[in-house]
PDB file of N, CA and C in Angstrom:
ATOM      1  N   MET A   1     -19.462 -15.786  33.483  1.00  0.00           N
ATOM      2  CA  MET A   1     -18.234 -16.460  33.885  1.00  0.00           C
ATOM      3  C   MET A   1     -18.587 -17.706  34.682  1.00  0.00           C
ATOM      4  N   PRO A   2     -18.159 -18.888  34.234  1.00  0.00           N
ATOM      5  CA  PRO A   2     -18.476 -20.107  34.965  1.00  0.00           C
ATOM      6  C   PRO A   2     -17.762 -20.183  36.306  1.00  0.00           C
ATOM      7  N   ASN A   3     -18.402 -20.831  37.220  1.00  0.00           N
ATOM      8  CA  ASN A   3     -17.877 -21.059  38.553  1.00  0.00           C
ATOM      9  C   ASN A   3     -16.713 -22.055  38.476  1.00  0.00           C
ATOM     10  N   ILE A   4     -15.781 -21.992  39.410  1.00  0.00           N
ATOM     11  CA  ILE A   4     -14.630 -22.904  39.404  1.00  0.00           C
ATOM     12  C   ILE A   4     -15.085 -24.340  39.592  1.00  0.00           C
ATOM     13  N   ARG A   5     -16.183 -24.543  40.323  1.00  0.00           N
ATOM     14  CA  ARG A   5     -16.701 -25.898  40.507  1.00  0.00           C
ATOM     15  C   ARG A   5     -17.200 -26.471  39.191  1.00  0.00           C
ATOM     16  N   VAL A   6     -17.827 -25.631  38.386  1.00  0.00           N
ATOM     17  CA  VAL A   6     -18.314 -26.070  37.080  1.00  0.00           C
ATOM     18  C   VAL A   6     -17.135 -26.410  36.176  1.00  0.00           C
ATOM     19  N   LEU A   7     -16.095 -25.589  36.192  1.00  0.00           N
ATOM     20  CA  LEU A   7     -14.912 -25.857  35.376  1.00  0.00           C
ATOM     21  C   LEU A   7     -14.240 -27.164  35.793  1.00  0.00           C
ATOM     22  N   ARG A   8     -14.175 -27.411  37.104  1.00  0.00           N
ATOM     23  CA  ARG A   8     -13.587 -28.646  37.605  1.00  0.00           C
ATOM     24  C   ARG A   8     -14.412 -29.855  37.167  1.00  0.00           C
ATOM     25  N   ASP A   9     -15.733 -29.700  37.192  1.00  0.00           N
ATOM     26  CA  ASP A   9     -16.599 -30.797  36.771  1.00  0.00           C
ATOM     27  C   ASP A   9     -16.460 -31.065  35.280  1.00  0.00           C
ATOM     28  N   VAL A  10     -16.329 -30.028  34.479  1.00  0.00           N
ATOM     29  CA  VAL A  10     -16.129 -30.203  33.033  1.00  0.00           C
ATOM     30  C   VAL A  10     -14.805 -30.910  32.774  1.00  0.00           C
ATOM     31  N   LYS A  11     -13.773 -30.523  33.511  1.00  0.00           N
ATOM     32  CA  LYS A  11     -12.464 -31.171  33.366  1.00  0.00           C
ATOM     33  C   LYS A  11     -12.552 -32.647  33.736  1.00  0.00           C
ATOM     34  N   ALA A  12     -13.287 -32.959  34.802  1.00  0.00           N
ATOM     35  CA  ALA A  12     -13.442 -34.347  35.219  1.00  0.00           C
ATOM     36  C   ALA A  12     -14.208 -35.146  34.172  1.00  0.00           C
ATOM     37  N   ARG A  13     -15.251 -34.558  33.587  1.00  0.00           N
ATOM     38  CA  ARG A  13     -16.026 -35.263  32.563  1.00  0.00           C
ATOM     39  C   ARG A  13     -15.166 -35.588  31.345  1.00  0.00           C
ATOM     40  N   HIS A  14     -14.336 -34.640  30.929  1.00  0.00           N
ATOM     41  CA  HIS A  14     -13.455 -34.883  29.784  1.00  0.00           C
ATOM     42  C   HIS A  14     -12.418 -35.956  30.111  1.00  0.00           C
ATOM     43  N   GLY A  15     -11.863 -35.924  31.312  1.00  0.00           N
ATOM     44  CA  GLY A  15     -10.873 -36.916  31.706  1.00  0.00           C
ATOM     45  C   GLY A  15     -11.452 -38.317  31.782  1.00  0.00           C
ATOM     46  N   VAL A  16     -12.665 -38.429  32.305  1.00  0.00           N
ATOM     47  CA  VAL A  16     -13.320 -39.734  32.396  1.00  0.00           C
ATOM     48  C   VAL A  16     -13.603 -40.276  31.004  1.00  0.00           C
ATOM     49  N   GLN A  17     -14.096 -39.412  30.132  1.00  0.00           N
ATOM     50  CA  GLN A  17     -14.427 -39.848  28.780  1.00  0.00           C
ATOM     51  C   GLN A  17     -13.178 -40.271  28.006  1.00  0.00           C
ATOM     52  N   ALA A  18     -12.081 -39.568  28.190  1.00  0.00           N
ATOM     53  CA  ALA A  18     -10.861 -39.872  27.445  1.00  0.00           C
ATOM     54  C   ALA A  18     -10.215 -41.188  27.888  1.00  0.00           C
ATOM     55  N   ASN A  19     -10.375 -41.553  29.153  1.00  0.00           N
ATOM     56  CA  ASN A  19      -9.695 -42.740  29.691  1.00  0.00           C
ATOM     57  C   ASN A  19     -10.637 -43.885  30.041  1.00  0.00           C
ATOM     58  N   GLU A  20     -11.873 -43.811  29.611  1.00  0.00           N
ATOM     59  CA  GLU A  20     -12.864 -44.802  30.023  1.00  0.00           C
ATOM     60  C   GLU A  20     -12.512 -46.215  29.558  1.00  0.00           C
ATOM     61  N   ILE A  21     -12.111 -46.377  28.314  1.00  0.00           N
ATOM     62  CA  ILE A  21     -11.853 -47.712  27.771  1.00  0.00           C
ATOM     63  C   ILE A  21     -10.651 -48.360  28.465  1.00  0.00           C
ATOM     64  N   ALA A  22      -9.581 -47.615  28.646  1.00  0.00           N
ATOM     65  CA  ALA A  22      -8.394 -48.166  29.297  1.00  0.00           C
ATOM     66  C   ALA A  22      -8.687 -48.530  30.751  1.00  0.00           C
ATOM     67  N   ARG A  23      -9.416 -47.671  31.459  1.00  0.00           N
ATOM     68  CA  ARG A  23      -9.753 -47.958  32.860  1.00  0.00           C
ATOM     69  C   ARG A  23     -10.596 -49.218  32.975  1.00  0.00           C
ATOM     70  N   ARG A  24     -11.576 -49.354  32.091  1.00  0.00           N
ATOM     71  CA  ARG A  24     -12.440 -50.541  32.144  1.00  0.00           C
ATOM     72  C   ARG A  24     -11.652 -51.817  31.854  1.00  0.00           C
ATOM     73  N   ALA A  25     -10.709 -51.730  30.921  1.00  0.00           N
ATOM     74  CA  ALA A  25      -9.894 -52.903  30.599  1.00  0.00           C
ATOM     75  C   ALA A  25      -9.037 -53.303  31.803  1.00  0.00           C
ATOM     76  N   TYR A  26      -8.382 -52.329  32.436  1.00  0.00           N
ATOM     77  CA  TYR A  26      -7.568 -52.641  33.613  1.00  0.00           C
ATOM     78  C   TYR A  26      -8.426 -53.158  34.766  1.00  0.00           C
ATOM     79  N   LEU A  27      -9.608 -52.594  34.948  1.00  0.00           N
ATOM     80  CA  LEU A  27     -10.504 -53.064  36.001  1.00  0.00           C
ATOM     81  C   LEU A  27     -10.927 -54.507  35.753  1.00  0.00           C
ATOM     82  N   TYR A  28     -11.219 -54.828  34.491  1.00  0.00           N
ATOM     83  CA  TYR A  28     -11.602 -56.192  34.166  1.00  0.00           C
ATOM     84  C   TYR A  28     -10.474 -57.171  34.496  1.00  0.00           C
ATOM     85  N   VAL A  29      -9.260 -56.807  34.134  1.00  0.00           N
ATOM     86  CA  VAL A  29      -8.118 -57.685  34.402  1.00  0.00           C
ATOM     87  C   VAL A  29      -7.873 -57.784  35.905  1.00  0.00           C
ATOM     88  N   ALA A  30      -7.971 -56.671  36.623  1.00  0.00           N
ATOM     89  CA  ALA A  30      -7.691 -56.673  38.058  1.00  0.00           C
ATOM     90  C   ALA A  30      -8.721 -57.476  38.843  1.00  0.00           C
ATOM     91  N   ARG A  31      -9.957 -57.528  38.371  1.00  0.00           N
ATOM     92  CA  ARG A  31     -11.017 -58.235  39.101  1.00  0.00           C
ATOM     93  C   ARG A  31     -11.233 -59.666  38.634  1.00  0.00           C
ATOM     94  N   ASN A  32     -10.574 -60.072  37.566  1.00  0.00           N
ATOM     95  CA  ASN A  32     -10.752 -61.408  37.020  1.00  0.00           C
ATOM     96  C   ASN A  32     -10.006 -62.421  37.892  1.00  0.00           C
ATOM     97  N   GLN A  33     -10.760 -63.283  38.578  1.00  0.00           N
ATOM     98  CA  GLN A  33     -10.177 -64.246  39.514  1.00  0.00           C
ATOM     99  C   GLN A  33      -9.435 -65.375  38.811  1.00  0.00           C
ATOM    100  N   SER A  34      -9.712 -65.605  37.538  1.00  0.00           N
ATOM    101  CA  SER A  34      -9.077 -66.723  36.839  1.00  0.00           C
ATOM    102  C   SER A  34      -7.668 -66.388  36.350  1.00  0.00           C
ATOM    103  N   LEU A  35      -7.269 -65.142  36.395  1.00  0.00           N
ATOM    104  CA  LEU A  35      -5.926 -64.745  35.957  1.00  0.00           C
ATOM    105  C   LEU A  35      -4.919 -64.916  37.095  1.00  0.00           C
ATOM    106  N   PRO A  36      -3.636 -65.037  36.770  1.00  0.00           N
ATOM    107  CA  PRO A  36      -2.613 -65.153  37.826  1.00  0.00           C
ATOM    108  C   PRO A  36      -2.524 -63.863  38.663  1.00  0.00           C
ATOM    109  N   PRO A  37      -2.165 -64.001  39.921  1.00  0.00           N
ATOM    110  CA  PRO A  37      -2.090 -62.828  40.800  1.00  0.00           C
ATOM    111  C   PRO A  37      -1.106 -61.758  40.327  1.00  0.00           C
ATOM    112  N   GLN A  38      -0.032 -62.146  39.684  1.00  0.00           N
ATOM    113  CA  GLN A  38       0.951 -61.151  39.215  1.00  0.00           C
ATOM    114  C   GLN A  38       0.346 -60.245  38.145  1.00  0.00           C
ATOM    115  N   VAL A  39      -0.406 -60.823  37.236  1.00  0.00           N
ATOM    116  CA  VAL A  39      -1.038 -60.035  36.170  1.00  0.00           C
ATOM    117  C   VAL A  39      -2.074 -59.092  36.771  1.00  0.00           C
ATOM    118  N   ARG A  40      -2.851 -59.609  37.721  1.00  0.00           N
ATOM    119  CA  ARG A  40      -3.868 -58.782  38.370  1.00  0.00           C
ATOM    120  C   ARG A  40      -3.214 -57.642  39.151  1.00  0.00           C
ATOM    121  N   HIS A  41      -2.097 -57.929  39.792  1.00  0.00           N
ATOM    122  CA  HIS A  41      -1.388 -56.895  40.548  1.00  0.00           C
ATOM    123  C   HIS A  41      -0.848 -55.806  39.615  1.00  0.00           C
ATOM    124  N   GLN A  42      -0.311 -56.194  38.477  1.00  0.00           N
ATOM    125  CA  GLN A  42       0.183 -55.211  37.503  1.00  0.00           C
ATOM    126  C   GLN A  42      -0.954 -54.327  36.989  1.00  0.00           C
ATOM    127  N   ALA A  43      -2.113 -54.942  36.756  1.00  0.00           N
ATOM    128  CA  ALA A  43      -3.269 -54.158  36.308  1.00  0.00           C
ATOM    129  C   ALA A  43      -3.686 -53.162  37.388  1.00  0.00           C
ATOM    130  N   GLN A  44      -3.633 -53.580  38.642  1.00  0.00           N
ATOM    131  CA  GLN A  44      -3.985 -52.680  39.746  1.00  0.00           C
ATOM    132  C   GLN A  44      -2.991 -51.526  39.845  1.00  0.00           C
ATOM    133  N   LEU A  45      -1.718 -51.808  39.630  1.00  0.00           N
ATOM    134  CA  LEU A  45      -0.704 -50.745  39.641  1.00  0.00           C
ATOM    135  C   LEU A  45      -0.939 -49.756  38.506  1.00  0.00           C
ATOM    136  N   GLN A  46      -1.329 -50.249  37.346  1.00  0.00           N
ATOM    137  CA  GLN A  46      -1.640 -49.357  36.221  1.00  0.00           C
ATOM    138  C   GLN A  46      -2.859 -48.492  36.532  1.00  0.00           C
ATOM    139  N   LEU A  47      -3.843 -49.062  37.207  1.00  0.00           N
ATOM    140  CA  LEU A  47      -5.014 -48.277  37.598  1.00  0.00           C
ATOM    141  C   LEU A  47      -4.621 -47.152  38.550  1.00  0.00           C
ATOM    142  N   ASN A  48      -3.676 -47.428  39.429  1.00  0.00           N
ATOM    143  CA  ASN A  48      -3.249 -46.426  40.401  1.00  0.00           C
ATOM    144  C   ASN A  48      -2.485 -45.276  39.758  1.00  0.00           C
ATOM    145  N   THR A  49      -1.950 -45.479  38.558  1.00  0.00           N
ATOM    146  CA  THR A  49      -1.204 -44.406  37.901  1.00  0.00           C
ATOM    147  C   THR A  49      -2.108 -43.390  37.214  1.00  0.00           C
ATOM    148  N   PHE A  50      -3.386 -43.729  37.029  1.00  0.00           N
ATOM    149  CA  PHE A  50      -4.308 -42.766  36.416  1.00  0.00           C
ATOM    150  C   PHE A  50      -4.515 -41.592  37.358  1.00  0.00           C
ATOM    151  N   GLY A  51      -4.783 -40.443  36.784  1.00  0.00           N
ATOM    152  CA  GLY A  51      -4.968 -39.230  37.571  1.00  0.00           C
ATOM    153  C   GLY A  51      -6.303 -39.179  38.285  1.00  0.00           C
ATOM    154  N   ARG A  52      -6.477 -38.135  39.056  1.00  0.00           N
ATOM    155  CA  ARG A  52      -7.681 -37.954  39.856  1.00  0.00           C
ATOM    156  C   ARG A  52      -8.924 -37.795  38.989  1.00  0.00           C
ATOM    157  N   TYR A  53      -8.815 -37.027  37.930  1.00  0.00           N
ATOM    158  CA  TYR A  53      -9.993 -36.710  37.134  1.00  0.00           C
ATOM    159  C   TYR A  53     -10.282 -37.740  36.062  1.00  0.00           C
ATOM    160  N   THR A  54      -9.753 -38.948  36.208  1.00  0.00           N
ATOM    161  CA  THR A  54     -10.105 -40.024  35.290  1.00  0.00           C
ATOM    162  C   THR A  54     -11.072 -40.999  35.954  1.00  0.00           C
ATOM    163  N   ARG A  55     -11.349 -40.797  37.232  1.00  0.00           N
ATOM    164  CA  ARG A  55     -12.276 -41.674  37.948  1.00  0.00           C
ATOM    165  C   ARG A  55     -13.711 -41.197  37.732  1.00  0.00           C
ATOM    166  N   PRO A  56     -14.618 -42.112  37.429  1.00  0.00           N
ATOM    167  CA  PRO A  56     -16.014 -41.702  37.202  1.00  0.00           C
ATOM    168  C   PRO A  56     -16.688 -41.121  38.446  1.00  0.00           C
ATOM    169  N   THR A  57     -16.186 -41.432  39.627  1.00  0.00           N
ATOM    170  CA  THR A  57     -16.827 -40.931  40.841  1.00  0.00           C
ATOM    171  C   THR A  57     -16.551 -39.448  41.079  1.00  0.00           C
ATOM    172  N   THR A  58     -15.598 -38.868  40.350  1.00  0.00           N
ATOM    173  CA  THR A  58     -15.327 -37.441  40.535  1.00  0.00           C
ATOM    174  C   THR A  58     -16.322 -36.562  39.786  1.00  0.00           C
ATOM    175  N   VAL A  59     -17.111 -37.165  38.890  1.00  0.00           N
ATOM    176  CA  VAL A  59     -18.095 -36.398  38.124  1.00  0.00           C
ATOM    177  C   VAL A  59     -19.337 -36.215  38.972  1.00  0.00           C
ATOM    178  N   LYS A  60     -19.784 -34.978  39.095  1.00  0.00           N
ATOM    179  CA  LYS A  60     -20.973 -34.660  39.875  1.00  0.00           C
ATOM    180  C   LYS A  60     -21.823 -33.700  39.063  1.00  0.00           C
ATOM    181  N   ASN A  61     -23.127 -33.925  39.036  1.00  0.00           N
ATOM    182  CA  ASN A  61     -24.007 -33.003  38.332  1.00  0.00           C
ATOM    183  C   ASN A  61     -24.037 -31.674  39.076  1.00  0.00           C
ATOM    184  N   ARG A  62     -23.766 -30.610  38.350  1.00  0.00           N
ATOM    185  CA  ARG A  62     -23.773 -29.283  38.939  1.00  0.00           C
ATOM    186  C   ARG A  62     -24.563 -28.335  38.069  1.00  0.00           C
ATOM    187  N   CYS A  63     -25.075 -27.284  38.689  1.00  0.00           N
ATOM    188  CA  CYS A  63     -25.793 -26.241  37.960  1.00  0.00           C
ATOM    189  C   CYS A  63     -24.797 -25.501  37.071  1.00  0.00           C
ATOM    190  N   SER A  64     -25.153 -25.319  35.811  1.00  0.00           N
ATOM    191  CA  SER A  64     -24.238 -24.658  34.891  1.00  0.00           C
ATOM    192  C   SER A  64     -24.162 -23.156  35.142  1.00  0.00           C
ATOM    193  N   GLU A  65     -25.105 -22.600  35.862  1.00  0.00           N
ATOM    194  CA  GLU A  65     -25.110 -21.163  36.160  1.00  0.00           C
ATOM    195  C   GLU A  65     -24.369 -20.843  37.453  1.00  0.00           C
ATOM    196  N   THR A  66     -24.713 -21.567  38.516  1.00  0.00           N
ATOM    197  CA  THR A  66     -24.204 -21.207  39.838  1.00  0.00           C
ATOM    198  C   THR A  66     -23.167 -22.172  40.390  1.00  0.00           C
ATOM    199  N   GLY A  67     -23.115 -23.410  39.882  1.00  0.00           N
ATOM    200  CA  GLY A  67     -22.194 -24.405  40.410  1.00  0.00           C
ATOM    201  C   GLY A  67     -22.759 -25.175  41.580  1.00  0.00           C
ATOM    202  N   ARG A  68     -24.015 -24.958  41.899  1.00  0.00           N
ATOM    203  CA  ARG A  68     -24.647 -25.659  43.007  1.00  0.00           C
ATOM    204  C   ARG A  68     -24.727 -27.141  42.694  1.00  0.00           C
ATOM    205  N   GLY A  69     -24.488 -27.991  43.708  1.00  0.00           N
ATOM    206  CA  GLY A  69     -24.434 -29.422  43.502  1.00  0.00           C
ATOM    207  C   GLY A  69     -25.670 -30.175  43.941  1.00  0.00           C
ATOM    208  N   ARG A  70     -26.688 -29.480  44.405  1.00  0.00           N
ATOM    209  CA  ARG A  70     -27.888 -30.166  44.884  1.00  0.00           C
ATOM    210  C   ARG A  70     -29.115 -29.598  44.196  1.00  0.00           C
ATOM    211  N   GLY A  71     -30.138 -30.414  44.052  1.00  0.00           N
ATOM    212  CA  GLY A  71     -31.389 -29.980  43.443  1.00  0.00           C
ATOM    213  C   GLY A  71     -31.242 -29.686  41.960  1.00  0.00           C
ATOM    214  N   ILE A  72     -30.568 -30.571  41.226  1.00  0.00           N
ATOM    215  CA  ILE A  72     -30.262 -30.330  39.818  1.00  0.00           C
ATOM    216  C   ILE A  72     -31.333 -30.961  38.934  1.00  0.00           C
ATOM    217  N   MET A  73     -31.852 -30.187  37.982  1.00  0.00           N
ATOM    218  CA  MET A  73     -32.711 -30.721  36.930  1.00  0.00           C
ATOM    219  C   MET A  73     -31.775 -31.148  35.807  1.00  0.00           C
ATOM    220  N   SER A  74     -31.535 -32.449  35.700  1.00  0.00           N
ATOM    221  CA  SER A  74     -30.475 -32.936  34.815  1.00  0.00           C
ATOM    222  C   SER A  74     -30.758 -32.662  33.342  1.00  0.00           C
ATOM    223  N   GLU A  75     -32.024 -32.565  32.935  1.00  0.00           N
ATOM    224  CA  GLU A  75     -32.332 -32.291  31.529  1.00  0.00           C
ATOM    225  C   GLU A  75     -31.871 -30.901  31.108  1.00  0.00           C
ATOM    226  N   PHE A  76     -31.866 -29.975  32.052  1.00  0.00           N
ATOM    227  CA  PHE A  76     -31.499 -28.593  31.756  1.00  0.00           C
ATOM    228  C   PHE A  76     -30.155 -28.208  32.360  1.00  0.00           C
ATOM    229  N   SER A  77     -29.585 -29.066  33.196  1.00  0.00           N
ATOM    230  CA  SER A  77     -28.359 -28.832  33.962  1.00  0.00           C
ATOM    231  C   SER A  77     -28.430 -27.515  34.743  1.00  0.00           C
ATOM    232  N   LEU A  78     -29.567 -27.315  35.386  1.00  0.00           N
ATOM    233  CA  LEU A  78     -29.793 -26.143  36.227  1.00  0.00           C
ATOM    234  C   LEU A  78     -30.293 -26.587  37.589  1.00  0.00           C
ATOM    235  N   CYS A  79     -29.946 -25.815  38.623  1.00  0.00           N
ATOM    236  CA  CYS A  79     -30.503 -26.095  39.938  1.00  0.00           C
ATOM    237  C   CYS A  79     -31.959 -25.630  39.949  1.00  0.00           C
ATOM    238  N   ARG A  80     -32.688 -26.061  40.952  1.00  0.00           N
ATOM    239  CA  ARG A  80     -34.128 -25.788  40.977  1.00  0.00           C
ATOM    240  C   ARG A  80     -34.445 -24.305  40.981  1.00  0.00           C
ATOM    241  N   PHE A  81     -33.638 -23.506  41.653  1.00  0.00           N
ATOM    242  CA  PHE A  81     -33.902 -22.066  41.714  1.00  0.00           C
ATOM    243  C   PHE A  81     -33.654 -21.399  40.362  1.00  0.00           C
ATOM    244  N   GLN A  82     -32.522 -21.724  39.720  1.00  0.00           N
ATOM    245  CA  GLN A  82     -32.232 -21.158  38.406  1.00  0.00           C
ATOM    246  C   GLN A  82     -33.235 -21.653  37.366  1.00  0.00           C
ATOM    247  N   PHE A  83     -33.671 -22.911  37.502  1.00  0.00           N
ATOM    248  CA  PHE A  83     -34.698 -23.444  36.614  1.00  0.00           C
ATOM    249  C   PHE A  83     -35.970 -22.619  36.731  1.00  0.00           C
ATOM    250  N   ARG A  84     -36.365 -22.313  37.963  1.00  0.00           N
ATOM    251  CA  ARG A  84     -37.588 -21.531  38.190  1.00  0.00           C
ATOM    252  C   ARG A  84     -37.465 -20.131  37.599  1.00  0.00           C
ATOM    253  N   LEU A  85     -36.324 -19.480  37.837  1.00  0.00           N
ATOM    254  CA  LEU A  85     -36.135 -18.123  37.308  1.00  0.00           C
ATOM    255  C   LEU A  85     -36.182 -18.098  35.784  1.00  0.00           C
ATOM    256  N   LYS A  86     -35.488 -19.019  35.148  1.00  0.00           N
ATOM    257  CA  LYS A  86     -35.452 -19.053  33.686  1.00  0.00           C
ATOM    258  C   LYS A  86     -36.806 -19.438  33.104  1.00  0.00           C
ATOM    259  N   ALA A  87     -37.530 -20.322  33.782  1.00  0.00           N
ATOM    260  CA  ALA A  87     -38.848 -20.715  33.297  1.00  0.00           C
ATOM    261  C   ALA A  87     -39.819 -19.540  33.381  1.00  0.00           C
ATOM    262  N   LEU A  88     -39.766 -18.781  34.453  1.00  0.00           N
ATOM    263  CA  LEU A  88     -40.666 -17.627  34.598  1.00  0.00           C
ATOM    264  C   LEU A  88     -40.328 -16.527  33.598  1.00  0.00           C
ATOM    265  N   ARG A  89     -39.053 -16.389  33.237  1.00  0.00           N
ATOM    266  CA  ARG A  89     -38.650 -15.395  32.238  1.00  0.00           C
ATOM    267  C   ARG A  89     -38.912 -15.870  30.813  1.00  0.00           C
ATOM    268  N   GLY A  90     -39.253 -17.163  30.657  1.00  0.00           N
ATOM    269  CA  GLY A  90     -39.523 -17.704  29.341  1.00  0.00           C
ATOM    270  C   GLY A  90     -38.282 -18.070  28.550  1.00  0.00           C
ATOM    271  N   GLU A  91     -37.174 -18.329  29.225  1.00  0.00           N
ATOM    272  CA  GLU A  91     -35.919 -18.647  28.554  1.00  0.00           C
ATOM    273  C   GLU A  91     -35.770 -20.149  28.271  1.00  0.00           C
ATOM    274  N   LEU A  92     -36.680 -20.966  28.775  1.00  0.00           N
ATOM    275  CA  LEU A  92     -36.639 -22.408  28.524  1.00  0.00           C
ATOM    276  C   LEU A  92     -37.780 -22.780  27.588  1.00  0.00           C
ATOM    277  N   ASN A  93     -37.434 -23.326  26.433  1.00  0.00           N
ATOM    278  CA  ASN A  93     -38.447 -23.690  25.455  1.00  0.00           C
ATOM    279  C   ASN A  93     -39.310 -24.838  25.963  1.00  0.00           C
ATOM    280  N   GLY A  94     -40.616 -24.693  25.807  1.00  0.00           N
ATOM    281  CA  GLY A  94     -41.539 -25.755  26.193  1.00  0.00           C
ATOM    282  C   GLY A  94     -41.840 -25.831  27.666  1.00  0.00           C
ATOM    283  N   VAL A  95     -41.341 -24.900  28.457  1.00  0.00           N
ATOM    284  CA  VAL A  95     -41.593 -24.899  29.900  1.00  0.00           C
ATOM    285  C   VAL A  95     -42.367 -23.645  30.252  1.00  0.00           C
ATOM    286  N   HIS A  96     -43.534 -23.835  30.881  1.00  0.00           N
ATOM    287  CA  HIS A  96     -44.295 -22.674  31.339  1.00  0.00           C
ATOM    288  C   HIS A  96     -44.971 -23.039  32.649  1.00  0.00           C
ATOM    289  N   LYS A  97     -45.380 -22.035  33.376  1.00  0.00           N
ATOM    290  CA  LYS A  97     -45.976 -22.264  34.680  1.00  0.00           C
ATOM    291  C   LYS A  97     -47.340 -22.923  34.522  1.00  0.00           C
ATOM    292  N   ALA A  98     -47.568 -23.937  35.354  1.00  0.00           N
ATOM    293  CA  ALA A  98     -48.829 -24.660  35.292  1.00  0.00           C
ATOM    294  C   ALA A  98     -49.903 -23.891  36.046  1.00  0.00           C
ATOM    295  N   SER A  99     -51.110 -23.973  35.550  1.00  0.00           N
ATOM    296  CA  SER A  99     -52.256 -23.397  36.260  1.00  0.00           C
ATOM    297  C   SER A  99     -53.480 -24.265  35.974  1.00  0.00           C
ATOM    298  N   TRP A 100     -54.222 -24.578  37.017  1.00  0.00           N
ATOM    299  CA  TRP A 100     -55.421 -25.374  36.839  1.00  0.00           C
ATOM    300  C   TRP A 100     -56.467 -24.976  37.819  1.00  0.00           C
TER     301      TRP A 100
END
């Protein structure tokens, strides 16, 4: 069963992906100094109408097992502890304990 933090992060990723093009277009218009202030203001108002989970800053890398937000191995989407456990059990292909 996924953690609620993981579910929230998945929801945020989907929201960002679905609204990325529209957000970028409004941001471009709002930041363009050569356009009239009224047009830029309207673009800013449209940006404010987007929901919380459409902002790229709401996306955070989290462990897919525990929901931990720190020490994430992004290639495997696991925190360092879960990465170690799965690697020792042999559940990660191509990963084994080093010895020299």
